[in-house]
Each structure stands twice: as C-alpha cells, then as structure tokens.
Amino acid sequence: MKIFHNPRCRKSREVLAFLEEKKVPHEVVLYLKDAPSLEDLTNVHKALGIPAEGMLRKGEKLFKENFKGQEHSDQEWLKIMHENPVLIERPIIWSNDQAVIARPLENINQLFE
C-alpha cells in the first residue's frame, strides 16, 4: 500500500497514523518532494475510477490562477499534476488496482472491504 503524503497536511497525517496504528504495511510517497511519474499517476487514476479532474486540489492558488475553468482530457490533467504536484489531492492511498482519496478518513475503509 502506498500513500501520497504531505507531512504538513493534517488529513494526510491522520491517514498515516491510521495505517501505522492498524499495522498496515505501507510506503510513504512524499509527492511534493519527488513528483510522481506520469505512469504512477495514470495507475492511481485508473484505480480510483474517477475523472482525473477529481484528483485535483481546486482550492490551490496555482489552480485558481492557471487552470480554473479550463477543460482538459484525463491525460492532460495527469500531466498537469505531474508537472505541478501541489495540485494532487491528498491523501491518496492505493494498493494494486484499488485506491481512495481519504477525505474523509473513513474512505480508507473501502480498501479493506
């Protein structure tokens, strides 16, 4: 299991604490430090089963100033997220072909059903 993690984000820290408390083996991906590859983003996108636009943090200043109101294909949004990882919603947890955006935290339970 992997988690796109931002240590400065309360929700991200909560999910990480949940995984550690439940002793779920996981790998932390500090996506702001090392941007996920386009391939990883594509795999997460497929596992989430939602439009790529749903993976965006639309409240970010960068999004509002540069992308608000624009329409892009899923592949274009994924490329934008690869080039601007601050726009990736967090926390995203995934394993194999399953993924969730853990907002709210309870969404993580979908991975264990």
PDB file of N, CA and C in Angstrom:
ATOM      1  N   MET A   1       0.839  -1.156   0.000  1.00  0.00           N
ATOM      2  CA  MET A   1       0.000   0.000   0.000  1.00  0.00           C
ATOM      3  C   MET A   1       0.898   1.238   0.000  1.00  0.00           C
ATOM      4  N   LYS A   2       0.492   2.248  -0.763  1.00  0.00           N
ATOM      5  CA  LYS A   2       1.250   3.493  -0.831  1.00  0.00           C
ATOM      6  C   LYS A   2       0.333   4.649  -0.477  1.00  0.00           C
ATOM      7  N   ILE A   3       0.938   5.725  -0.002  1.00  0.00           N
ATOM      8  CA  ILE A   3       0.179   6.926   0.330  1.00  0.00           C
ATOM      9  C   ILE A   3       0.909   8.144  -0.222  1.00  0.00           C
ATOM     10  N   PHE A   4       0.181   8.976  -0.989  1.00  0.00           N
ATOM     11  CA  PHE A   4       0.703  10.293  -1.344  1.00  0.00           C
ATOM     12  C   PHE A   4       0.565  11.125  -0.084  1.00  0.00           C
ATOM     13  N   HIS A   5       1.683  11.508   0.495  1.00  0.00           N
ATOM     14  CA  HIS A   5       1.690  12.130   1.821  1.00  0.00           C
ATOM     15  C   HIS A   5       2.340  13.505   1.793  1.00  0.00           C
ATOM     16  N   ASN A   6       1.712  14.418   2.514  1.00  0.00           N
ATOM     17  CA  ASN A   6       2.280  15.741   2.761  1.00  0.00           C
ATOM     18  C   ASN A   6       2.319  15.899   4.279  1.00  0.00           C
ATOM     19  N   PRO A   7       3.494  15.885   4.891  1.00  0.00           N
ATOM     20  CA  PRO A   7       3.605  15.969   6.349  1.00  0.00           C
ATOM     21  C   PRO A   7       2.965  17.226   6.946  1.00  0.00           C
ATOM     22  N   ARG A   8       2.772  18.261   6.147  1.00  0.00           N
ATOM     23  CA  ARG A   8       2.178  19.499   6.650  1.00  0.00           C
ATOM     24  C   ARG A   8       0.650  19.455   6.650  1.00  0.00           C
ATOM     25  N   CYS A   9       0.079  18.404   6.080  1.00  0.00           N
ATOM     26  CA  CYS A   9      -1.374  18.286   5.953  1.00  0.00           C
ATOM     27  C   CYS A   9      -1.937  17.427   7.094  1.00  0.00           C
ATOM     28  N   ARG A  10      -2.882  17.985   7.839  1.00  0.00           N
ATOM     29  CA  ARG A  10      -3.475  17.275   8.968  1.00  0.00           C
ATOM     30  C   ARG A  10      -4.153  15.980   8.524  1.00  0.00           C
ATOM     31  N   LYS A  11      -4.924  16.022   7.447  1.00  0.00           N
ATOM     32  CA  LYS A  11      -5.622  14.827   6.955  1.00  0.00           C
ATOM     33  C   LYS A  11      -4.616  13.748   6.546  1.00  0.00           C
ATOM     34  N   SER A  12      -3.555  14.162   5.918  1.00  0.00           N
ATOM     35  CA  SER A  12      -2.525  13.224   5.497  1.00  0.00           C
ATOM     36  C   SER A  12      -1.872  12.578   6.721  1.00  0.00           C
ATOM     37  N   ARG A  13      -1.598  13.372   7.735  1.00  0.00           N
ATOM     38  CA  ARG A  13      -1.008  12.827   8.965  1.00  0.00           C
ATOM     39  C   ARG A  13      -1.973  11.861   9.650  1.00  0.00           C
ATOM     40  N   GLU A  14      -3.266  12.172   9.628  1.00  0.00           N
ATOM     41  CA  GLU A  14      -4.273  11.298  10.235  1.00  0.00           C
ATOM     42  C   GLU A  14      -4.299   9.941   9.543  1.00  0.00           C
ATOM     43  N   VAL A  15      -4.244   9.940   8.224  1.00  0.00           N
ATOM     44  CA  VAL A  15      -4.265   8.685   7.481  1.00  0.00           C
ATOM     45  C   VAL A  15      -3.003   7.879   7.763  1.00  0.00           C
ATOM     46  N   LEU A  16      -1.876   8.538   7.797  1.00  0.00           N
ATOM     47  CA  LEU A  16      -0.622   7.848   8.092  1.00  0.00           C
ATOM     48  C   LEU A  16      -0.686   7.236   9.497  1.00  0.00           C
ATOM     49  N   ALA A  17      -1.204   7.964  10.456  1.00  0.00           N
ATOM     50  CA  ALA A  17      -1.344   7.444  11.821  1.00  0.00           C
ATOM     51  C   ALA A  17      -2.294   6.242  11.839  1.00  0.00           C
ATOM     52  N   PHE A  18      -3.367   6.306  11.060  1.00  0.00           N
ATOM     53  CA  PHE A  18      -4.317   5.196  10.960  1.00  0.00           C
ATOM     54  C   PHE A  18      -3.610   3.947  10.447  1.00  0.00           C
ATOM     55  N   LEU A  19      -2.854   4.089   9.361  1.00  0.00           N
ATOM     56  CA  LEU A  19      -2.146   2.947   8.790  1.00  0.00           C
ATOM     57  C   LEU A  19      -1.146   2.357   9.781  1.00  0.00           C
ATOM     58  N   GLU A  20      -0.448   3.230  10.499  1.00  0.00           N
ATOM     59  CA  GLU A  20       0.538   2.762  11.468  1.00  0.00           C
ATOM     60  C   GLU A  20      -0.142   2.090  12.655  1.00  0.00           C
ATOM     61  N   GLU A  21      -1.251   2.665  13.119  1.00  0.00           N
ATOM     62  CA  GLU A  21      -1.990   2.090  14.246  1.00  0.00           C
ATOM     63  C   GLU A  21      -2.527   0.696  13.901  1.00  0.00           C
ATOM     64  N   LYS A  22      -3.006   0.542  12.669  1.00  0.00           N
ATOM     65  CA  LYS A  22      -3.566  -0.743  12.224  1.00  0.00           C
ATOM     66  C   LYS A  22      -2.476  -1.696  11.728  1.00  0.00           C
ATOM     67  N   LYS A  23      -1.227  -1.228  11.787  1.00  0.00           N
ATOM     68  CA  LYS A  23      -0.068  -2.016  11.351  1.00  0.00           C
ATOM     69  C   LYS A  23      -0.212  -2.487   9.897  1.00  0.00           C
ATOM     70  N   VAL A  24      -0.709  -1.593   9.063  1.00  0.00           N
ATOM     71  CA  VAL A  24      -0.846  -1.864   7.635  1.00  0.00           C
ATOM     72  C   VAL A  24       0.487  -1.528   6.967  1.00  0.00           C
ATOM     73  N   PRO A  25       1.118  -2.498   6.321  1.00  0.00           N
ATOM     74  CA  PRO A  25       2.368  -2.195   5.620  1.00  0.00           C
ATOM     75  C   PRO A  25       2.107  -1.124   4.546  1.00  0.00           C
ATOM     76  N   HIS A  26       2.961  -0.129   4.510  1.00  0.00           N
ATOM     77  CA  HIS A  26       2.748   0.968   3.560  1.00  0.00           C
ATOM     78  C   HIS A  26       4.070   1.633   3.206  1.00  0.00           C
ATOM     79  N   GLU A  27       4.007   2.340   2.102  1.00  0.00           N
ATOM     80  CA  GLU A  27       5.146   3.126   1.639  1.00  0.00           C
ATOM     81  C   GLU A  27       4.681   4.572   1.526  1.00  0.00           C
ATOM     82  N   VAL A  28       5.425   5.460   2.130  1.00  0.00           N
ATOM     83  CA  VAL A  28       5.103   6.887   2.077  1.00  0.00           C
ATOM     84  C   VAL A  28       5.738   7.497   0.840  1.00  0.00           C
ATOM     85  N   VAL A  29       4.935   8.181   0.051  1.00  0.00           N
ATOM     86  CA  VAL A  29       5.415   8.876  -1.138  1.00  0.00           C
ATOM     87  C   VAL A  29       5.291  10.371  -0.865  1.00  0.00           C
ATOM     88  N   LEU A  30       6.412  11.019  -0.657  1.00  0.00           N
ATOM     89  CA  LEU A  30       6.422  12.467  -0.429  1.00  0.00           C
ATOM     90  C   LEU A  30       6.333  13.157  -1.791  1.00  0.00           C
ATOM     91  N   TYR A  31       5.119  13.218  -2.287  1.00  0.00           N
ATOM     92  CA  TYR A  31       4.885  13.622  -3.678  1.00  0.00           C
ATOM     93  C   TYR A  31       5.276  15.062  -3.980  1.00  0.00           C
ATOM     94  N   LEU A  32       5.357  15.914  -2.972  1.00  0.00           N
ATOM     95  CA  LEU A  32       5.785  17.295  -3.222  1.00  0.00           C
ATOM     96  C   LEU A  32       7.292  17.372  -3.416  1.00  0.00           C
ATOM     97  N   LYS A  33       8.006  16.446  -2.800  1.00  0.00           N
ATOM     98  CA  LYS A  33       9.467  16.413  -2.915  1.00  0.00           C
ATOM     99  C   LYS A  33       9.891  15.693  -4.195  1.00  0.00           C
ATOM    100  N   ASP A  34       9.260  14.547  -4.447  1.00  0.00           N
ATOM    101  CA  ASP A  34       9.550  13.745  -5.631  1.00  0.00           C
ATOM    102  C   ASP A  34       8.241  13.520  -6.377  1.00  0.00           C
ATOM    103  N   ALA A  35       8.014  14.331  -7.394  1.00  0.00           N
ATOM    104  CA  ALA A  35       6.754  14.252  -8.146  1.00  0.00           C
ATOM    105  C   ALA A  35       6.530  12.843  -8.675  1.00  0.00           C
ATOM    106  N   PRO A  36       5.317  12.327  -8.516  1.00  0.00           N
ATOM    107  CA  PRO A  36       5.014  11.003  -9.065  1.00  0.00           C
ATOM    108  C   PRO A  36       5.174  11.002 -10.582  1.00  0.00           C
ATOM    109  N   SER A  37       5.581   9.869 -11.087  1.00  0.00           N
ATOM    110  CA  SER A  37       5.713   9.749 -12.537  1.00  0.00           C
ATOM    111  C   SER A  37       4.323   9.790 -13.170  1.00  0.00           C
ATOM    112  N   LEU A  38       4.302  10.082 -14.434  1.00  0.00           N
ATOM    113  CA  LEU A  38       3.049  10.075 -15.182  1.00  0.00           C
ATOM    114  C   LEU A  38       2.439   8.674 -15.147  1.00  0.00           C
ATOM    115  N   GLU A  39       3.292   7.662 -15.191  1.00  0.00           N
ATOM    116  CA  GLU A  39       2.810   6.278 -15.125  1.00  0.00           C
ATOM    117  C   GLU A  39       2.138   5.991 -13.783  1.00  0.00           C
ATOM    118  N   ASP A  40       2.762   6.435 -12.675  1.00  0.00           N
ATOM    119  CA  ASP A  40       2.151   6.234 -11.353  1.00  0.00           C
ATOM    120  C   ASP A  40       0.820   6.970 -11.254  1.00  0.00           C
ATOM    121  N   LEU A  41       0.778   8.203 -11.720  1.00  0.00           N
ATOM    122  CA  LEU A  41      -0.473   8.962 -11.674  1.00  0.00           C
ATOM    123  C   LEU A  41      -1.558   8.291 -12.515  1.00  0.00           C
ATOM    124  N   THR A  42      -1.174   7.760 -13.655  1.00  0.00           N
ATOM    125  CA  THR A  42      -2.134   7.062 -14.514  1.00  0.00           C
ATOM    126  C   THR A  42      -2.666   5.817 -13.813  1.00  0.00           C
ATOM    127  N   ASN A  43      -1.787   5.068 -13.161  1.00  0.00           N
ATOM    128  CA  ASN A  43      -2.220   3.870 -12.428  1.00  0.00           C
ATOM    129  C   ASN A  43      -3.148   4.217 -11.275  1.00  0.00           C
ATOM    130  N   VAL A  44      -2.827   5.263 -10.539  1.00  0.00           N
ATOM    131  CA  VAL A  44      -3.683   5.699  -9.432  1.00  0.00           C
ATOM    132  C   VAL A  44      -5.028   6.168  -9.979  1.00  0.00           C
ATOM    133  N   HIS A  45      -4.999   6.911 -11.058  1.00  0.00           N
ATOM    134  CA  HIS A  45      -6.226   7.394 -11.695  1.00  0.00           C
ATOM    135  C   HIS A  45      -7.132   6.219 -12.069  1.00  0.00           C
ATOM    136  N   LYS A  46      -6.570   5.206 -12.698  1.00  0.00           N
ATOM    137  CA  LYS A  46      -7.356   4.024 -13.083  1.00  0.00           C
ATOM    138  C   LYS A  46      -7.926   3.325 -11.854  1.00  0.00           C
ATOM    139  N   ALA A  47      -7.112   3.212 -10.808  1.00  0.00           N
ATOM    140  CA  ALA A  47      -7.560   2.538  -9.585  1.00  0.00           C
ATOM    141  C   ALA A  47      -8.665   3.315  -8.878  1.00  0.00           C
ATOM    142  N   LEU A  48      -8.608   4.640  -8.946  1.00  0.00           N
ATOM    143  CA  LEU A  48      -9.653   5.458  -8.325  1.00  0.00           C
ATOM    144  C   LEU A  48     -10.971   5.330  -9.080  1.00  0.00           C
ATOM    145  N   GLY A  49     -10.889   5.207 -10.389  1.00  0.00           N
ATOM    146  CA  GLY A  49     -12.100   5.081 -11.189  1.00  0.00           C
ATOM    147  C   GLY A  49     -12.923   6.351 -11.269  1.00  0.00           C
ATOM    148  N   ILE A  50     -12.252   7.487 -11.186  1.00  0.00           N
ATOM    149  CA  ILE A  50     -12.926   8.785 -11.291  1.00  0.00           C
ATOM    150  C   ILE A  50     -12.233   9.596 -12.378  1.00  0.00           C
ATOM    151  N   PRO A  51     -12.877  10.659 -12.865  1.00  0.00           N
ATOM    152  CA  PRO A  51     -12.176  11.529 -13.811  1.00  0.00           C
ATOM    153  C   PRO A  51     -10.914  12.100 -13.146  1.00  0.00           C
ATOM    154  N   ALA A  52      -9.863  12.279 -13.917  1.00  0.00           N
ATOM    155  CA  ALA A  52      -8.608  12.814 -13.384  1.00  0.00           C
ATOM    156  C   ALA A  52      -8.828  14.168 -12.713  1.00  0.00           C
ATOM    157  N   GLU A  53      -9.767  14.932 -13.208  1.00  0.00           N
ATOM    158  CA  GLU A  53     -10.061  16.233 -12.611  1.00  0.00           C
ATOM    159  C   GLU A  53     -10.464  16.098 -11.137  1.00  0.00           C
ATOM    160  N   GLY A  54     -11.024  14.945 -10.769  1.00  0.00           N
ATOM    161  CA  GLY A  54     -11.401  14.690  -9.382  1.00  0.00           C
ATOM    162  C   GLY A  54     -10.220  14.481  -8.458  1.00  0.00           C
ATOM    163  N   MET A  55      -9.036  14.350  -9.015  1.00  0.00           N
ATOM    164  CA  MET A  55      -7.810  14.182  -8.229  1.00  0.00           C
ATOM    165  C   MET A  55      -7.134  15.515  -7.934  1.00  0.00           C
ATOM    166  N   LEU A  56      -7.744  16.612  -8.373  1.00  0.00           N
ATOM    167  CA  LEU A  56      -7.132  17.935  -8.254  1.00  0.00           C
ATOM    168  C   LEU A  56      -7.542  18.661  -6.981  1.00  0.00           C
ATOM    169  N   ARG A  57      -6.620  19.435  -6.443  1.00  0.00           N
ATOM    170  CA  ARG A  57      -6.902  20.356  -5.341  1.00  0.00           C
ATOM    171  C   ARG A  57      -7.274  21.697  -5.973  1.00  0.00           C
ATOM    172  N   LYS A  58      -8.562  21.897  -6.160  1.00  0.00           N
ATOM    173  CA  LYS A  58      -9.034  23.080  -6.863  1.00  0.00           C
ATOM    174  C   LYS A  58      -8.978  24.347  -6.016  1.00  0.00           C
ATOM    175  N   GLY A  59      -8.747  24.198  -4.723  1.00  0.00           N
ATOM    176  CA  GLY A  59      -8.624  25.364  -3.854  1.00  0.00           C
ATOM    177  C   GLY A  59      -7.233  25.977  -3.846  1.00  0.00           C
ATOM    178  N   GLU A  60      -6.290  25.282  -4.456  1.00  0.00           N
ATOM    179  CA  GLU A  60      -4.907  25.784  -4.505  1.00  0.00           C
ATOM    180  C   GLU A  60      -4.827  27.053  -5.353  1.00  0.00           C
ATOM    181  N   LYS A  61      -4.018  27.992  -4.895  1.00  0.00           N
ATOM    182  CA  LYS A  61      -3.811  29.248  -5.627  1.00  0.00           C
ATOM    183  C   LYS A  61      -3.366  28.979  -7.063  1.00  0.00           C
ATOM    184  N   LEU A  62      -2.452  28.038  -7.227  1.00  0.00           N
ATOM    185  CA  LEU A  62      -1.945  27.693  -8.557  1.00  0.00           C
ATOM    186  C   LEU A  62      -3.082  27.261  -9.482  1.00  0.00           C
ATOM    187  N   PHE A  63      -4.002  26.465  -8.955  1.00  0.00           N
ATOM    188  CA  PHE A  63      -5.132  26.017  -9.777  1.00  0.00           C
ATOM    189  C   PHE A  63      -6.016  27.207 -10.148  1.00  0.00           C
ATOM    190  N   LYS A  64      -6.366  28.006  -9.146  1.00  0.00           N
ATOM    191  CA  LYS A  64      -7.261  29.146  -9.390  1.00  0.00           C
ATOM    192  C   LYS A  64      -6.678  30.121 -10.404  1.00  0.00           C
ATOM    193  N   GLU A  65      -5.384  30.353 -10.324  1.00  0.00           N
ATOM    194  CA  GLU A  65      -4.742  31.339 -11.199  1.00  0.00           C
ATOM    195  C   GLU A  65      -4.435  30.815 -12.597  1.00  0.00           C
ATOM    196  N   ASN A  66      -4.254  29.497 -12.737  1.00  0.00           N
ATOM    197  CA  ASN A  66      -3.778  28.975 -14.014  1.00  0.00           C
ATOM    198  C   ASN A  66      -4.696  27.971 -14.719  1.00  0.00           C
ATOM    199  N   PHE A  67      -5.607  27.343 -13.961  1.00  0.00           N
ATOM    200  CA  PHE A  67      -6.369  26.253 -14.574  1.00  0.00           C
ATOM    201  C   PHE A  67      -7.881  26.326 -14.371  1.00  0.00           C
ATOM    202  N   LYS A  68      -8.342  27.183 -13.487  1.00  0.00           N
ATOM    203  CA  LYS A  68      -9.770  27.269 -13.190  1.00  0.00           C
ATOM    204  C   LYS A  68     -10.557  27.549 -14.470  1.00  0.00           C
ATOM    205  N   GLY A  69     -11.625  26.762 -14.650  1.00  0.00           N
ATOM    206  CA  GLY A  69     -12.496  26.952 -15.797  1.00  0.00           C
ATOM    207  C   GLY A  69     -12.017  26.286 -17.070  1.00  0.00           C
ATOM    208  N   GLN A  70     -10.838  25.699 -17.026  1.00  0.00           N
ATOM    209  CA  GLN A  70     -10.307  25.034 -18.219  1.00  0.00           C
ATOM    210  C   GLN A  70     -10.811  23.596 -18.297  1.00  0.00           C
ATOM    211  N   GLU A  71     -10.936  23.122 -19.510  1.00  0.00           N
ATOM    212  CA  GLU A  71     -11.289  21.725 -19.729  1.00  0.00           C
ATOM    213  C   GLU A  71     -10.096  21.022 -20.357  1.00  0.00           C
ATOM    214  N   HIS A  72      -9.766  19.862 -19.802  1.00  0.00           N
ATOM    215  CA  HIS A  72      -8.654  19.059 -20.297  1.00  0.00           C
ATOM    216  C   HIS A  72      -9.067  17.596 -20.285  1.00  0.00           C
ATOM    217  N   SER A  73      -8.412  16.805 -21.097  1.00  0.00           N
ATOM    218  CA  SER A  73      -8.631  15.360 -21.061  1.00  0.00           C
ATOM    219  C   SER A  73      -8.003  14.810 -19.777  1.00  0.00           C
ATOM    220  N   ASP A  74      -8.376  13.579 -19.432  1.00  0.00           N
ATOM    221  CA  ASP A  74      -7.767  12.949 -18.256  1.00  0.00           C
ATOM    222  C   ASP A  74      -6.247  12.944 -18.382  1.00  0.00           C
ATOM    223  N   GLN A  75      -5.737  12.581 -19.539  1.00  0.00           N
ATOM    224  CA  GLN A  75      -4.289  12.503 -19.724  1.00  0.00           C
ATOM    225  C   GLN A  75      -3.637  13.879 -19.561  1.00  0.00           C
ATOM    226  N   GLU A  76      -4.296  14.923 -20.037  1.00  0.00           N
ATOM    227  CA  GLU A  76      -3.756  16.282 -19.881  1.00  0.00           C
ATOM    228  C   GLU A  76      -3.745  16.689 -18.407  1.00  0.00           C
ATOM    229  N   TRP A  77      -4.832  16.385 -17.654  1.00  0.00           N
ATOM    230  CA  TRP A  77      -4.859  16.707 -16.224  1.00  0.00           C
ATOM    231  C   TRP A  77      -3.757  15.959 -15.494  1.00  0.00           C
ATOM    232  N   LEU A  78      -3.552  14.696 -15.843  1.00  0.00           N
ATOM    233  CA  LEU A  78      -2.496  13.913 -15.195  1.00  0.00           C
ATOM    234  C   LEU A  78      -1.127  14.516 -15.466  1.00  0.00           C
ATOM    235  N   LYS A  79      -0.898  14.987 -16.666  1.00  0.00           N
ATOM    236  CA  LYS A  79       0.370  15.641 -16.996  1.00  0.00           C
ATOM    237  C   LYS A  79       0.532  16.932 -16.192  1.00  0.00           C
ATOM    238  N   ILE A  80      -0.560  17.681 -16.058  1.00  0.00           N
ATOM    239  CA  ILE A  80      -0.526  18.918 -15.266  1.00  0.00           C
ATOM    240  C   ILE A  80      -0.185  18.600 -13.812  1.00  0.00           C
ATOM    241  N   MET A  81      -0.767  17.529 -13.265  1.00  0.00           N
ATOM    242  CA  MET A  81      -0.463  17.138 -11.884  1.00  0.00           C
ATOM    243  C   MET A  81       0.984  16.673 -11.749  1.00  0.00           C
ATOM    244  N   HIS A  82       1.476  15.963 -12.760  1.00  0.00           N
ATOM    245  CA  HIS A  82       2.873  15.520 -12.737  1.00  0.00           C
ATOM    246  C   HIS A  82       3.808  16.735 -12.698  1.00  0.00           C
ATOM    247  N   GLU A  83       3.485  17.746 -13.482  1.00  0.00           N
ATOM    248  CA  GLU A  83       4.322  18.946 -13.552  1.00  0.00           C
ATOM    249  C   GLU A  83       4.100  19.889 -12.365  1.00  0.00           C
ATOM    250  N   ASN A  84       2.963  19.763 -11.691  1.00  0.00           N
ATOM    251  CA  ASN A  84       2.589  20.632 -10.561  1.00  0.00           C
ATOM    252  C   ASN A  84       2.016  19.772  -9.440  1.00  0.00           C
ATOM    253  N   PRO A  85       2.853  18.993  -8.752  1.00  0.00           N
ATOM    254  CA  PRO A  85       2.328  18.034  -7.773  1.00  0.00           C
ATOM    255  C   PRO A  85       1.533  18.661  -6.631  1.00  0.00           C
ATOM    256  N   VAL A  86       1.690  19.947  -6.397  1.00  0.00           N
ATOM    257  CA  VAL A  86       0.906  20.598  -5.350  1.00  0.00           C
ATOM    258  C   VAL A  86      -0.594  20.511  -5.667  1.00  0.00           C
ATOM    259  N   LEU A  87      -0.925  20.260  -6.925  1.00  0.00           N
ATOM    260  CA  LEU A  87      -2.326  20.172  -7.333  1.00  0.00           C
ATOM    261  C   LEU A  87      -2.933  18.790  -7.079  1.00  0.00           C
ATOM    262  N   ILE A  88      -2.142  17.821  -6.661  1.00  0.00           N
ATOM    263  CA  ILE A  88      -2.659  16.476  -6.405  1.00  0.00           C
ATOM    264  C   ILE A  88      -3.382  16.468  -5.064  1.00  0.00           C
ATOM    265  N   GLU A  89      -4.622  15.993  -5.089  1.00  0.00           N
ATOM    266  CA  GLU A  89      -5.392  15.867  -3.850  1.00  0.00           C
ATOM    267  C   GLU A  89      -4.669  14.922  -2.908  1.00  0.00           C
ATOM    268  N   ARG A  90      -4.863  15.140  -1.636  1.00  0.00           N
ATOM    269  CA  ARG A  90      -4.236  14.283  -0.646  1.00  0.00           C
ATOM    270  C   ARG A  90      -5.193  14.052   0.505  1.00  0.00           C
ATOM    271  N   PRO A  91      -4.974  13.004   1.189  1.00  0.00           N
ATOM    272  CA  PRO A  91      -4.083  11.902   0.879  1.00  0.00           C
ATOM    273  C   PRO A  91      -4.758  10.890  -0.042  1.00  0.00           C
ATOM    274  N   ILE A  92      -3.997  10.345  -0.948  1.00  0.00           N
ATOM    275  CA  ILE A  92      -4.474   9.252  -1.799  1.00  0.00           C
ATOM    276  C   ILE A  92      -3.719   8.004  -1.368  1.00  0.00           C
ATOM    277  N   ILE A  93      -4.482   6.936  -1.122  1.00  0.00           N
ATOM    278  CA  ILE A  93      -3.900   5.667  -0.726  1.00  0.00           C
ATOM    279  C   ILE A  93      -4.240   4.659  -1.802  1.00  0.00           C
ATOM    280  N   TRP A  94      -3.266   3.861  -2.202  1.00  0.00           N
ATOM    281  CA  TRP A  94      -3.562   2.857  -3.218  1.00  0.00           C
ATOM    282  C   TRP A  94      -2.740   1.598  -3.017  1.00  0.00           C
ATOM    283  N   SER A  95      -3.321   0.528  -3.535  1.00  0.00           N
ATOM    284  CA  SER A  95      -2.686  -0.774  -3.499  1.00  0.00           C
ATOM    285  C   SER A  95      -3.194  -1.535  -4.706  1.00  0.00           C
ATOM    286  N   ASN A  96      -2.270  -1.968  -5.528  1.00  0.00           N
ATOM    287  CA  ASN A  96      -2.624  -2.708  -6.744  1.00  0.00           C
ATOM    288  C   ASN A  96      -3.650  -1.947  -7.579  1.00  0.00           C
ATOM    289  N   ASP A  97      -4.852  -2.484  -7.688  1.00  0.00           N
ATOM    290  CA  ASP A  97      -5.855  -1.846  -8.546  1.00  0.00           C
ATOM    291  C   ASP A  97      -6.941  -1.129  -7.754  1.00  0.00           C
ATOM    292  N   GLN A  98      -6.702  -0.864  -6.474  1.00  0.00           N
ATOM    293  CA  GLN A  98      -7.645  -0.145  -5.635  1.00  0.00           C
ATOM    294  C   GLN A  98      -7.001   1.128  -5.111  1.00  0.00           C
ATOM    295  N   ALA A  99      -7.807   2.191  -5.039  1.00  0.00           N
ATOM    296  CA  ALA A  99      -7.309   3.455  -4.496  1.00  0.00           C
ATOM    297  C   ALA A  99      -8.481   4.247  -3.936  1.00  0.00           C
ATOM    298  N   VAL A 100      -8.174   5.106  -2.978  1.00  0.00           N
ATOM    299  CA  VAL A 100      -9.167   6.029  -2.427  1.00  0.00           C
ATOM    300  C   VAL A 100      -8.505   7.356  -2.119  1.00  0.00           C
ATOM    301  N   ILE A 101      -9.293   8.396  -2.207  1.00  0.00           N
ATOM    302  CA  ILE A 101      -8.893   9.692  -1.670  1.00  0.00           C
ATOM    303  C   ILE A 101      -9.466   9.699  -0.260  1.00  0.00           C
ATOM    304  N   ALA A 102      -8.606   9.729   0.732  1.00  0.00           N
ATOM    305  CA  ALA A 102      -9.028   9.575   2.125  1.00  0.00           C
ATOM    306  C   ALA A 102      -9.501  10.896   2.729  1.00  0.00           C
ATOM    307  N   ARG A 103     -10.425  11.515   2.077  1.00  0.00           N
ATOM    308  CA  ARG A 103     -11.124  12.706   2.561  1.00  0.00           C
ATOM    309  C   ARG A 103     -12.597  12.421   2.394  1.00  0.00           C
ATOM    310  N   PRO A 104     -13.278  12.060   3.414  1.00  0.00           N
ATOM    311  CA  PRO A 104     -12.860  11.939   4.816  1.00  0.00           C
ATOM    312  C   PRO A 104     -12.059  10.650   5.064  1.00  0.00           C
ATOM    313  N   LEU A 105     -11.480  10.593   6.237  1.00  0.00           N
ATOM    314  CA  LEU A 105     -10.638   9.466   6.633  1.00  0.00           C
ATOM    315  C   LEU A 105     -11.362   8.132   6.458  1.00  0.00           C
ATOM    316  N   GLU A 106     -12.657   8.113   6.693  1.00  0.00           N
ATOM    317  CA  GLU A 106     -13.433   6.881   6.618  1.00  0.00           C
ATOM    318  C   GLU A 106     -13.370   6.236   5.224  1.00  0.00           C
ATOM    319  N   ASN A 107     -13.047   7.002   4.205  1.00  0.00           N
ATOM    320  CA  ASN A 107     -12.948   6.433   2.855  1.00  0.00           C
ATOM    321  C   ASN A 107     -11.915   5.316   2.791  1.00  0.00           C
ATOM    322  N   ILE A 108     -10.941   5.355   3.693  1.00  0.00           N
ATOM    323  CA  ILE A 108      -9.877   4.337   3.674  1.00  0.00           C
ATOM    324  C   ILE A 108     -10.450   2.948   3.900  1.00  0.00           C
ATOM    325  N   ASN A 109     -11.584   2.864   4.582  1.00  0.00           N
ATOM    326  CA  ASN A 109     -12.199   1.566   4.876  1.00  0.00           C
ATOM    327  C   ASN A 109     -12.577   0.820   3.592  1.00  0.00           C
ATOM    328  N   GLN A 110     -12.786   1.536   2.509  1.00  0.00           N
ATOM    329  CA  GLN A 110     -13.124   0.906   1.228  1.00  0.00           C
ATOM    330  C   GLN A 110     -12.010  -0.032   0.764  1.00  0.00           C
ATOM    331  N   LEU A 111     -10.788   0.237   1.162  1.00  0.00           N
ATOM    332  CA  LEU A 111      -9.669  -0.618   0.767  1.00  0.00           C
ATOM    333  C   LEU A 111      -9.615  -1.928   1.538  1.00  0.00           C
ATOM    334  N   PHE A 112     -10.367  -2.012   2.652  1.00  0.00           N
ATOM    335  CA  PHE A 112     -10.316  -3.179   3.498  1.00  0.00           C
ATOM    336  C   PHE A 112     -11.605  -3.975   3.487  1.00  0.00           C
ATOM    337  N   GLU A 113     -12.510  -3.652   2.569  1.00  0.00           N
ATOM    338  CA  GLU A 113     -13.796  -4.370   2.491  1.00  0.00           C
ATOM    339  C   GLU A 113     -13.658  -5.617   1.664  1.00  0.00           C
TER     340      GLU A 113
END
